[in-house]
Amino acid sequence: MDSSRLRTPLLALALMLVFGAVVLIMFQILPGPRGKTDYLVIGAVATFATMLALFVVLITTWVKGADVFYRRRKNRSK
């Protein structure tokens, strides 16, 4: 298997590990007994952290342009 075909499964595995690690950390932070709202917060924070990690990985590796978020205006001097 070449590196381009291996990249996507490795990214998926890394993101699952990030999600699991954040869930475990949140279980340690939130005291028990936990209610439905606590589990909702744990899942939401873990999802946010995972999506943030995916965003950072994609921006730093896939989109390598200098103007990812903005484009410089051309200087129009009259």
Protein backbone atom coordinates (compact mmCIF):
# COMPACT_ATOMS: atom_id res chain seq x y z
CA MET A 1 0.00 0.00 0.00
CA ASP A 2 1.48 3.35 -1.00
CA SER A 3 1.56 6.39 1.26
CA SER A 4 -1.32 8.20 -0.46
CA ARG A 5 -3.70 5.30 0.17
CA LEU A 6 -2.47 4.93 3.75
CA ARG A 7 -2.94 8.62 4.62
CA THR A 8 -6.74 8.58 4.95
CA PRO A 9 -7.01 5.55 7.28
CA LEU A 10 -4.19 6.94 9.43
CA LEU A 11 -5.96 10.29 9.68
CA ALA A 12 -9.21 8.55 10.63
CA LEU A 13 -7.43 6.49 13.29
CA ALA A 14 -5.68 9.57 14.69
CA LEU A 15 -8.99 11.45 14.89
CA MET A 16 -10.64 8.52 16.68
CA LEU A 17 -7.78 8.54 19.18
CA VAL A 18 -8.22 12.29 19.71
CA PHE A 19 -11.95 11.78 20.30
CA GLY A 20 -11.33 8.95 22.77
CA ALA A 21 -8.65 10.86 24.64
CA VAL A 22 -10.88 13.92 25.02
CA VAL A 23 -13.75 11.74 26.26
CA LEU A 24 -11.48 10.15 28.87
CA ILE A 25 -10.18 13.55 29.97
CA MET A 26 -13.72 14.92 30.25
CA PHE A 27 -14.78 11.91 32.34
CA GLN A 28 -11.98 12.78 34.75
CA ILE A 29 -12.91 16.49 34.84
CA LEU A 30 -16.68 16.19 35.32
CA PRO A 31 -17.62 14.77 38.72
CA GLY A 32 -20.08 11.93 39.09
CA PRO A 33 -22.87 11.01 39.21
CA ARG A 34 -23.36 12.17 35.66
CA GLY A 35 -26.66 13.03 34.08
CA LYS A 36 -27.78 13.21 30.47
CA THR A 37 -26.56 16.78 30.14
CA ASP A 38 -23.07 15.82 31.31
CA TYR A 39 -22.81 13.16 28.61
CA LEU A 40 -24.05 15.69 26.07
CA VAL A 41 -21.31 18.13 27.12
CA ILE A 42 -18.65 15.40 27.00
CA GLY A 43 -19.68 14.39 23.49
CA ALA A 44 -19.90 17.97 22.28
CA VAL A 45 -16.45 18.91 23.60
CA ALA A 46 -14.92 15.74 22.15
CA THR A 47 -16.54 16.40 18.77
CA PHE A 48 -15.34 20.01 18.80
CA ALA A 49 -11.78 18.96 19.60
CA THR A 50 -11.83 16.32 16.88
CA MET A 51 -13.17 18.72 14.24
CA LEU A 52 -10.58 21.30 15.30
CA ALA A 53 -7.81 18.71 14.92
CA LEU A 54 -9.15 17.74 11.47
CA PHE A 55 -9.29 21.41 10.44
CA VAL A 56 -5.71 22.04 11.57
CA VAL A 57 -4.42 18.93 9.79
CA LEU A 58 -6.19 19.77 6.55
CA ILE A 59 -5.10 23.41 6.56
CA THR A 60 -1.46 22.61 7.32
CA THR A 61 -1.08 19.67 4.92
CA TRP A 62 -3.67 19.75 2.15
CA VAL A 63 -4.13 23.49 1.58
CA LYS A 64 -0.63 24.93 1.55
CA GLY A 65 -1.28 28.29 -0.03
CA ALA A 66 -0.25 31.47 1.72
CA ASP A 67 -3.68 33.00 1.21
CA VAL A 68 -5.88 30.34 2.78
CA PHE A 69 -8.12 32.76 4.69
CA TYR A 70 -7.57 35.99 2.82
CA ARG A 71 -6.29 37.30 -0.46
CA ARG A 72 -4.12 40.33 -0.81
CA ARG A 73 -5.58 43.16 -2.79
CA LYS A 74 -3.68 44.28 -5.80
CA ASN A 75 -2.27 47.72 -5.24
CA ARG A 76 -4.02 50.00 -7.73
CA SER A 77 -2.20 53.28 -7.66
CA LYS A 78 -3.62 55.97 -9.97
